[in-house]
Amino acid sequence: MSSLMSVLRVELTPEEQELIKRYKAETHPLTFITNREGNKIPKDTVSSPMRSVPEEMKNSTILLNNEEVVKDACMRFNTLLDVIATFGGEQVIEF
């Protein structure tokens, strides 16, 4: 049985790239793997899909599962970008 190759690539707007650079979010984990001891460790970081790193899969089930994991991670990261876009402003809370 031959393996499948997957390439994850994310395109960011210049504004998103600036936020990532400004807040040093390149190392923010997107996905995790579980090591032999049962600990979750980062697998893909924000910088991984910006480099378009190919990954080899054993079968299409793994490929489809990984695709869903990465899509969910990107949606969560997009939410994080929305939040960090508000950093540096002033918020007044009245009591």
Protein backbone atom coordinates (compact mmCIF):
# COMPACT_ATOMS: atom_id res chain seq x y z
CA MET A 1 0.00 0.00 0.00
CA SER A 2 1.39 3.40 -0.92
CA SER A 3 1.26 6.36 1.40
CA LEU A 4 -0.48 9.67 0.80
CA MET A 5 1.20 13.06 0.89
CA SER A 6 -0.49 16.07 2.41
CA VAL A 7 0.70 19.67 2.32
CA LEU A 8 -0.78 22.19 4.70
CA ARG A 9 -0.51 25.79 3.57
CA VAL A 10 -2.09 28.86 5.08
CA GLU A 11 -2.24 32.26 3.45
CA LEU A 12 -2.40 35.24 5.78
CA THR A 13 -3.30 38.83 5.09
CA PRO A 14 -0.59 41.42 5.65
CA GLU A 15 -2.46 42.53 8.79
CA GLU A 16 -2.51 38.98 10.16
CA GLN A 17 1.19 38.58 9.37
CA GLU A 18 1.92 41.81 11.26
CA LEU A 19 -0.06 40.65 14.31
CA ILE A 20 1.80 37.34 14.35
CA LYS A 21 5.12 39.14 14.08
CA ARG A 22 4.28 41.83 16.64
CA TYR A 23 3.09 39.37 19.28
CA LYS A 24 5.60 36.64 18.39
CA ALA A 25 2.83 34.13 17.74
CA GLU A 26 4.88 32.01 15.29
CA THR A 27 5.42 29.39 17.99
CA HIS A 28 1.77 29.26 19.10
CA PRO A 29 0.73 25.58 18.85
CA LEU A 30 -2.03 24.70 16.39
CA THR A 31 -2.09 20.93 16.76
CA PHE A 32 -0.74 18.41 19.24
CA ILE A 33 0.40 14.80 19.33
CA THR A 34 0.50 12.48 22.30
CA ASN A 35 3.90 11.02 23.16
CA ARG A 36 4.54 7.57 24.63
CA GLU A 37 4.16 8.90 28.17
CA GLY A 38 0.67 10.21 27.33
CA ASN A 39 1.69 13.89 27.31
CA LYS A 40 0.37 16.22 24.64
CA ILE A 41 3.13 18.06 22.84
CA PRO A 42 2.86 20.65 20.07
CA LYS A 43 3.04 19.23 16.55
CA ASP A 44 2.22 22.14 14.26
CA THR A 45 2.77 25.75 15.21
CA VAL A 46 1.58 28.88 13.43
CA SER A 47 4.79 28.96 11.41
CA SER A 48 4.36 25.34 10.17
CA PRO A 49 1.59 25.96 7.60
CA MET A 50 3.27 29.19 6.51
CA ARG A 51 6.22 27.01 5.39
CA SER A 52 4.01 24.46 3.53
CA VAL A 53 5.61 21.41 5.12
CA PRO A 54 4.60 18.13 3.42
CA GLU A 55 3.47 15.24 5.61
CA GLU A 56 3.16 11.58 4.70
CA MET A 57 0.03 9.65 5.75
CA LYS A 58 -0.57 5.89 5.79
CA ASN A 59 -4.16 6.05 4.52
CA SER A 60 -7.01 8.34 3.55
CA THR A 61 -8.77 7.98 6.92
CA ILE A 62 -5.78 9.51 8.69
CA LEU A 63 -5.55 12.18 6.00
CA LEU A 64 -9.20 13.19 6.43
CA ASN A 65 -8.95 13.15 10.22
CA ASN A 66 -5.83 15.32 10.18
CA GLU A 67 -7.52 17.72 7.78
CA GLU A 68 -10.39 18.23 10.25
CA VAL A 69 -7.98 18.70 13.16
CA VAL A 70 -6.03 21.34 11.25
CA LYS A 71 -9.19 23.16 10.09
CA ASP A 72 -10.42 23.34 13.70
CA ALA A 73 -7.02 24.57 14.86
CA CYS A 74 -6.98 27.28 12.20
CA MET A 75 -10.46 28.44 13.21
CA ARG A 76 -9.32 28.68 16.84
CA PHE A 77 -6.21 30.56 15.75
CA ASN A 78 -8.35 32.95 13.72
CA THR A 79 -10.30 33.69 16.91
CA LEU A 80 -6.99 34.32 18.69
CA LEU A 81 -5.99 36.77 15.94
CA ASP A 82 -9.28 38.61 16.45
CA VAL A 83 -8.49 38.89 20.16
CA ILE A 84 -4.87 40.03 19.79
CA ALA A 85 -5.98 42.61 17.21
CA THR A 86 -7.62 44.39 20.15
CA PHE A 87 -4.41 44.50 22.22
CA GLY A 88 -2.89 47.88 22.91
CA GLY A 89 -6.17 49.72 22.98
CA GLU A 90 -7.88 51.24 25.93
CA GLN A 91 -10.96 49.79 27.50
CA VAL A 92 -12.94 51.73 30.09
CA ILE A 93 -15.12 49.76 32.48
CA GLU A 94 -17.56 51.78 34.51
CA PHE A 95 -18.94 50.53 37.83
